[in-house]
Every structure is written in structure tokens, then in C-alpha cells.
Amino acid sequence: MQNLPKKVRSKKLSAKVDLTAMVSVSFLLIIFFMVVGELAKPKILEYGMPDCDDCGEYFGCRYIDENRILTILLDDNDEMIIYSGLIDYPTETPKKINYSKNGIRKELIQKSKIVLEYSKNIGKPKNGIIVIIKPSQKSNYGNLVNILDKMKILNIQNYSILNEFTAEEEKLLAVR
């Protein structure tokens, strides 16, 4: 008989799947979606509503604290009209200003100081100014960006952009 070569039997390896990488990726995805979900929550803007501790439901609790409001009406030719308070009962008369160093920046700084002092006196020292920005049809996008830059530079956190004008505001913009 001939010597036949022996068949070499290979060692059988156990068929294990290493899931370590899959578990790591799963945890990373879970963390990612938790963070994205938290960042996607809408931020709420407080409009300075007074507390309803000592007043009735219709006596003052549903009204905005007009002492904290500054409204900016953007007009054409790099001009704007600002007024404090509500248009029907402004705390300061409306005035026309521009984007110069002594214009809107100076007004925002002064009004912020006045509002912070007022808030401190009523017991809410963290309540700052509320700026309402209303660009007209004649204003350009650059003017709106400039105002938003001023909000960021001066650290004014409570502001909103509205495109609805009252009849009185329309009259203010029409008079030039």
C-alpha cells in the first residue's frame, strides 16, 4: 500500500461575533439624538407679564409691562423711529434716529440702563429691556441685520421681529 498523505485537519474556530463596536456606535447614536432633541426645543420669550399675586384677573395681569418696551420701526434711507412703551400711551415721544454712533446704539444703552434700574426697584433685577423690531416694506435687509447685530453686541436678549403695524405706527412712518 502506498502511503497516502494524511489529510491535515484544520482547527475549527468558534464562530463568535464581536459586538463591542456595535454597542459603542449605538450609544453614540443615542447620545446624539438626545442632544439634538434637547437643542431643538423652542425657546420662550418672556414679555414682562406682571405677577398675579395681588391683582384680579382682569386688572393688570394680562398686560405687558410697558416700562420695559422699546419699539424700533425701520424705515428707508437708513432711518428708524423709536418709541418707549405702547404706541397709544408712549412713555417717551417717538423720535427719528439713524444708525450712527450717537443714534440707535446710544439709545439702546440708555434705555437698557433705565429699564434695569426700574426692574431693580420693583424687585426683579434680572428683567431687562424688551425690544420690538418692526421692519417696514421700505426698509432693506441690511438694516434689519444691523439692528440684530446691535442686539448681540449690547447683550439684549429679549427682542422680537414683527411685521404688523398699527394705524398709529403707519402714520409715524408716513410723516417725514
C-alpha atoms as a PDB file:
ATOM      1  CA  MET A   1       0.000   0.000   0.000  1.00  0.00           C
ATOM      2  CA  GLN A   2       1.086   3.335  -0.762  1.00  0.00           C
ATOM      3  CA  ASN A   3       1.433   5.870   1.864  1.00  0.00           C
ATOM      4  CA  LEU A   4      -1.217   8.345   1.191  1.00  0.00           C
ATOM      5  CA  PRO A   5      -0.611  11.757   2.566  1.00  0.00           C
ATOM      6  CA  LYS A   6      -2.591  12.373   5.626  1.00  0.00           C
ATOM      7  CA  LYS A   7      -5.234  14.959   5.371  1.00  0.00           C
ATOM      8  CA  VAL A   8      -4.481  17.834   7.579  1.00  0.00           C
ATOM      9  CA  ARG A   9      -7.483  18.732   9.544  1.00  0.00           C
ATOM     10  CA  SER A  10      -7.848  22.410  10.195  1.00  0.00           C
ATOM     11  CA  LYS A  11      -8.680  23.561  13.608  1.00  0.00           C
ATOM     12  CA  LYS A  12     -12.243  24.723  13.798  1.00  0.00           C
ATOM     13  CA  LEU A  13     -12.526  28.217  15.180  1.00  0.00           C
ATOM     14  CA  SER A  14     -15.513  29.184  17.215  1.00  0.00           C
ATOM     15  CA  ALA A  15     -17.881  31.464  15.306  1.00  0.00           C
ATOM     16  CA  LYS A  16     -18.243  34.431  17.655  1.00  0.00           C
ATOM     17  CA  VAL A  17     -19.274  37.884  16.575  1.00  0.00           C
ATOM     18  CA  ASP A  18     -17.680  40.759  18.452  1.00  0.00           C
ATOM     19  CA  LEU A  19     -20.415  43.302  19.170  1.00  0.00           C
ATOM     20  CA  THR A  20     -18.233  45.796  21.017  1.00  0.00           C
ATOM     21  CA  ALA A  21     -18.112  48.219  18.107  1.00  0.00           C
ATOM     22  CA  MET A  22     -21.862  47.916  17.527  1.00  0.00           C
ATOM     23  CA  VAL A  23     -22.593  48.746  21.173  1.00  0.00           C
ATOM     24  CA  SER A  24     -20.301  51.800  21.011  1.00  0.00           C
ATOM     25  CA  VAL A  25     -21.988  53.090  17.878  1.00  0.00           C
ATOM     26  CA  SER A  26     -25.414  52.521  19.425  1.00  0.00           C
ATOM     27  CA  PHE A  27     -24.532  54.563  22.496  1.00  0.00           C
ATOM     28  CA  LEU A  28     -23.100  57.351  20.351  1.00  0.00           C
ATOM     29  CA  LEU A  29     -26.321  57.475  18.330  1.00  0.00           C
ATOM     30  CA  ILE A  30     -28.450  57.540  21.472  1.00  0.00           C
ATOM     31  CA  ILE A  31     -26.404  60.421  22.897  1.00  0.00           C
ATOM     32  CA  PHE A  32     -26.522  62.279  19.568  1.00  0.00           C
ATOM     33  CA  PHE A  33     -30.316  62.086  19.323  1.00  0.00           C
ATOM     34  CA  MET A  34     -30.756  63.083  22.963  1.00  0.00           C
ATOM     35  CA  VAL A  35     -28.629  66.201  22.422  1.00  0.00           C
ATOM     36  CA  VAL A  36     -30.362  67.091  19.153  1.00  0.00           C
ATOM     37  CA  GLY A  37     -33.752  66.668  20.798  1.00  0.00           C
ATOM     38  CA  GLU A  38     -32.770  68.973  23.635  1.00  0.00           C
ATOM     39  CA  LEU A  39     -31.399  71.636  21.285  1.00  0.00           C
ATOM     40  CA  ALA A  40     -34.489  71.510  19.074  1.00  0.00           C
ATOM     41  CA  LYS A  41     -36.823  72.618  21.868  1.00  0.00           C
ATOM     42  CA  PRO A  42     -38.215  76.096  21.219  1.00  0.00           C
ATOM     43  CA  LYS A  43     -37.009  78.931  23.401  1.00  0.00           C
ATOM     44  CA  ILE A  44     -39.640  81.024  25.151  1.00  0.00           C
ATOM     45  CA  LEU A  45     -39.551  84.810  25.217  1.00  0.00           C
ATOM     46  CA  GLU A  46     -40.928  86.401  28.354  1.00  0.00           C
ATOM     47  CA  TYR A  47     -42.806  89.607  27.603  1.00  0.00           C
ATOM     48  CA  GLY A  48     -42.658  91.019  31.114  1.00  0.00           C
ATOM     49  CA  MET A  49     -46.045  89.962  32.363  1.00  0.00           C
ATOM     50  CA  PRO A  50     -46.624  91.070  35.960  1.00  0.00           C
ATOM     51  CA  ASP A  51     -47.282  88.536  38.682  1.00  0.00           C
ATOM     52  CA  CYS A  52     -50.937  87.913  39.518  1.00  0.00           C
ATOM     53  CA  ASP A  53     -50.464  87.758  43.285  1.00  0.00           C
ATOM     54  CA  ASP A  54     -52.368  90.827  44.350  1.00  0.00           C
ATOM     55  CA  CYS A  55     -54.400  91.860  41.361  1.00  0.00           C
ATOM     56  CA  GLY A  56     -57.531  90.481  39.819  1.00  0.00           C
ATOM     57  CA  GLU A  57     -57.598  88.502  36.617  1.00  0.00           C
ATOM     58  CA  TYR A  58     -58.649  91.496  34.503  1.00  0.00           C
ATOM     59  CA  PHE A  59     -56.964  94.243  36.457  1.00  0.00           C
ATOM     60  CA  GLY A  60     -53.424  94.099  35.196  1.00  0.00           C
ATOM     61  CA  CYS A  61     -52.145  90.585  34.919  1.00  0.00           C
ATOM     62  CA  ARG A  62     -52.782  90.288  31.217  1.00  0.00           C
ATOM     63  CA  TYR A  63     -50.936  93.429  30.224  1.00  0.00           C
ATOM     64  CA  ILE A  64     -47.326  93.820  29.170  1.00  0.00           C
ATOM     65  CA  ASP A  65     -45.039  95.885  31.379  1.00  0.00           C
ATOM     66  CA  GLU A  66     -44.838  98.904  29.071  1.00  0.00           C
ATOM     67  CA  ASN A  67     -41.954 100.403  31.052  1.00  0.00           C
ATOM     68  CA  ARG A  68     -39.644  97.736  29.613  1.00  0.00           C
ATOM     69  CA  ILE A  69     -40.654  98.006  25.939  1.00  0.00           C
ATOM     70  CA  LEU A  70     -38.744  99.838  23.226  1.00  0.00           C
ATOM     71  CA  THR A  71     -40.160  99.615  19.703  1.00  0.00           C
ATOM     72  CA  ILE A  72     -37.985 100.251  16.647  1.00  0.00           C
ATOM     73  CA  LEU A  73     -39.744 100.991  13.349  1.00  0.00           C
ATOM     74  CA  LEU A  74     -37.278 100.528  10.480  1.00  0.00           C
ATOM     75  CA  ASP A  75     -37.758 102.930   7.585  1.00  0.00           C
ATOM     76  CA  ASP A  76     -35.944 103.584   4.309  1.00  0.00           C
ATOM     77  CA  ASN A  77     -32.801 105.758   3.895  1.00  0.00           C
ATOM     78  CA  ASP A  78     -31.174 104.083   6.928  1.00  0.00           C
ATOM     79  CA  GLU A  79     -33.550 105.819   9.324  1.00  0.00           C
ATOM     80  CA  MET A  80     -35.748 104.496  12.059  1.00  0.00           C
ATOM     81  CA  ILE A  81     -38.344 105.715  14.520  1.00  0.00           C
ATOM     82  CA  ILE A  82     -38.197 104.570  18.119  1.00  0.00           C
ATOM     83  CA  TYR A  83     -40.611 104.959  20.990  1.00  0.00           C
ATOM     84  CA  SER A  84     -40.817 103.570  24.509  1.00  0.00           C
ATOM     85  CA  GLY A  85     -43.914 101.971  25.942  1.00  0.00           C
ATOM     86  CA  LEU A  86     -47.058 101.297  23.982  1.00  0.00           C
ATOM     87  CA  ILE A  87     -47.970 103.394  20.928  1.00  0.00           C
ATOM     88  CA  ASP A  88     -51.253 104.547  22.493  1.00  0.00           C
ATOM     89  CA  TYR A  89     -49.515 105.606  25.722  1.00  0.00           C
ATOM     90  CA  PRO A  90     -45.805 106.072  24.992  1.00  0.00           C
ATOM     91  CA  THR A  91     -43.526 106.775  27.956  1.00  0.00           C
ATOM     92  CA  GLU A  92     -41.345 108.856  25.616  1.00  0.00           C
ATOM     93  CA  THR A  93     -42.390 110.628  22.450  1.00  0.00           C
ATOM     94  CA  PRO A  94     -41.443 108.875  19.217  1.00  0.00           C
ATOM     95  CA  LYS A  95     -38.278 110.177  17.621  1.00  0.00           C
ATOM     96  CA  LYS A  96     -36.406 109.621  14.393  1.00  0.00           C
ATOM     97  CA  ILE A  97     -32.813 108.379  14.680  1.00  0.00           C
ATOM     98  CA  ASN A  98     -30.194 106.736  12.479  1.00  0.00           C
ATOM     99  CA  TYR A  99     -27.514 104.057  12.698  1.00  0.00           C
ATOM    100  CA  SER A 100     -24.680 106.403  13.719  1.00  0.00           C
ATOM    101  CA  LYS A 101     -22.657 106.045  16.909  1.00  0.00           C
ATOM    102  CA  ASN A 102     -24.867 108.589  18.654  1.00  0.00           C
ATOM    103  CA  GLY A 103     -28.025 107.091  17.163  1.00  0.00           C
ATOM    104  CA  ILE A 104     -29.509 103.703  17.941  1.00  0.00           C
ATOM    105  CA  ARG A 105     -26.565 102.376  19.951  1.00  0.00           C
ATOM    106  CA  LYS A 106     -26.689 105.300  22.382  1.00  0.00           C
ATOM    107  CA  GLU A 107     -30.476 105.000  22.721  1.00  0.00           C
ATOM    108  CA  LEU A 108     -30.319 101.255  23.403  1.00  0.00           C
ATOM    109  CA  ILE A 109     -27.637 101.693  26.062  1.00  0.00           C
ATOM    110  CA  GLN A 110     -29.547 104.483  27.803  1.00  0.00           C
ATOM    111  CA  LYS A 111     -32.873 102.662  27.695  1.00  0.00           C
ATOM    112  CA  SER A 112     -31.266  99.419  28.958  1.00  0.00           C
ATOM    113  CA  LYS A 113     -29.862 101.243  31.986  1.00  0.00           C
ATOM    114  CA  ILE A 114     -33.228 102.874  32.719  1.00  0.00           C
ATOM    115  CA  VAL A 115     -35.081  99.548  32.447  1.00  0.00           C
ATOM    116  CA  LEU A 116     -32.575  97.696  34.643  1.00  0.00           C
ATOM    117  CA  GLU A 117     -32.910 100.392  37.306  1.00  0.00           C
ATOM    118  CA  TYR A 118     -36.712 100.194  37.044  1.00  0.00           C
ATOM    119  CA  SER A 119     -36.627  96.381  37.305  1.00  0.00           C
ATOM    120  CA  LYS A 120     -34.360  96.558  40.333  1.00  0.00           C
ATOM    121  CA  ASN A 121     -36.802  98.944  42.023  1.00  0.00           C
ATOM    122  CA  ILE A 122     -39.774  96.615  41.503  1.00  0.00           C
ATOM    123  CA  GLY A 123     -37.837  93.618  42.834  1.00  0.00           C
ATOM    124  CA  LYS A 124     -36.968  91.857  39.583  1.00  0.00           C
ATOM    125  CA  PRO A 125     -33.356  92.842  38.885  1.00  0.00           C
ATOM    126  CA  LYS A 126     -32.872  90.364  36.039  1.00  0.00           C
ATOM    127  CA  ASN A 127     -35.690  91.726  33.868  1.00  0.00           C
ATOM    128  CA  GLY A 128     -34.111  93.736  31.094  1.00  0.00           C
ATOM    129  CA  ILE A 129     -35.339  95.693  28.129  1.00  0.00           C
ATOM    130  CA  ILE A 130     -37.730  94.182  25.586  1.00  0.00           C
ATOM    131  CA  VAL A 131     -37.067  95.414  22.049  1.00  0.00           C
ATOM    132  CA  ILE A 132     -39.701  95.015  19.341  1.00  0.00           C
ATOM    133  CA  ILE A 133     -38.247  95.427  15.849  1.00  0.00           C
ATOM    134  CA  LYS A 134     -40.692  96.228  13.051  1.00  0.00           C
ATOM    135  CA  PRO A 135     -39.171  96.499   9.569  1.00  0.00           C
ATOM    136  CA  SER A 136     -41.344  98.383   7.089  1.00  0.00           C
ATOM    137  CA  GLN A 137     -41.765  97.498   3.427  1.00  0.00           C
ATOM    138  CA  LYS A 138     -39.355 100.312   2.546  1.00  0.00           C
ATOM    139  CA  SER A 139     -36.536  99.138   4.810  1.00  0.00           C
ATOM    140  CA  ASN A 140     -33.875  96.817   3.478  1.00  0.00           C
ATOM    141  CA  TYR A 141     -32.498  93.571   4.838  1.00  0.00           C
ATOM    142  CA  GLY A 142     -29.179  95.182   5.775  1.00  0.00           C
ATOM    143  CA  ASN A 143     -30.940  97.489   8.234  1.00  0.00           C
ATOM    144  CA  LEU A 144     -32.540  94.531   9.981  1.00  0.00           C
ATOM    145  CA  VAL A 145     -29.177  92.752  10.176  1.00  0.00           C
ATOM    146  CA  ASN A 146     -27.594  95.900  11.658  1.00  0.00           C
ATOM    147  CA  ILE A 147     -30.238  96.057  14.382  1.00  0.00           C
ATOM    148  CA  LEU A 148     -29.813  92.361  15.163  1.00  0.00           C
ATOM    149  CA  ASP A 149     -26.054  92.928  15.413  1.00  0.00           C
ATOM    150  CA  LYS A 150     -26.702  95.720  17.920  1.00  0.00           C
ATOM    151  CA  MET A 151     -28.843  93.330  19.989  1.00  0.00           C
ATOM    152  CA  LYS A 152     -25.999  90.818  20.076  1.00  0.00           C
ATOM    153  CA  ILE A 153     -23.275  93.390  20.791  1.00  0.00           C
ATOM    154  CA  LEU A 154     -25.229  95.043  23.612  1.00  0.00           C
ATOM    155  CA  ASN A 155     -26.307  91.654  25.013  1.00  0.00           C
ATOM    156  CA  ILE A 156     -30.027  92.411  24.716  1.00  0.00           C
ATOM    157  CA  GLN A 157     -31.684  89.037  24.974  1.00  0.00           C
ATOM    158  CA  ASN A 158     -35.385  89.874  24.810  1.00  0.00           C
ATOM    159  CA  TYR A 159     -36.252  91.038  21.327  1.00  0.00           C
ATOM    160  CA  SER A 160     -38.661  90.045  18.629  1.00  0.00           C
ATOM    161  CA  ILE A 161     -39.231  90.884  14.984  1.00  0.00           C
ATOM    162  CA  LEU A 162     -42.784  91.694  13.936  1.00  0.00           C
ATOM    163  CA  ASN A 163     -44.150  92.816  10.586  1.00  0.00           C
ATOM    164  CA  GLU A 164     -47.553  94.015  11.770  1.00  0.00           C
ATOM    165  CA  PHE A 165     -48.033  97.756  12.106  1.00  0.00           C
ATOM    166  CA  THR A 166     -50.792  99.559  13.959  1.00  0.00           C
ATOM    167  CA  ALA A 167     -52.522 102.528  12.348  1.00  0.00           C
ATOM    168  CA  GLU A 168     -50.590 104.917  14.598  1.00  0.00           C
ATOM    169  CA  GLU A 169     -47.282 103.341  13.572  1.00  0.00           C
ATOM    170  CA  GLU A 170     -48.235 103.656   9.898  1.00  0.00           C
ATOM    171  CA  LYS A 171     -48.866 107.373  10.500  1.00  0.00           C
ATOM    172  CA  LEU A 172     -45.473 107.744  12.175  1.00  0.00           C
ATOM    173  CA  LEU A 173     -43.754 106.193   9.155  1.00  0.00           C
ATOM    174  CA  ALA A 174     -45.777 108.289   6.701  1.00  0.00           C
ATOM    175  CA  VAL A 175     -44.824 111.607   8.346  1.00  0.00           C
ATOM    176  CA  ARG A 176     -41.321 112.546   7.152  1.00  0.00           C
END
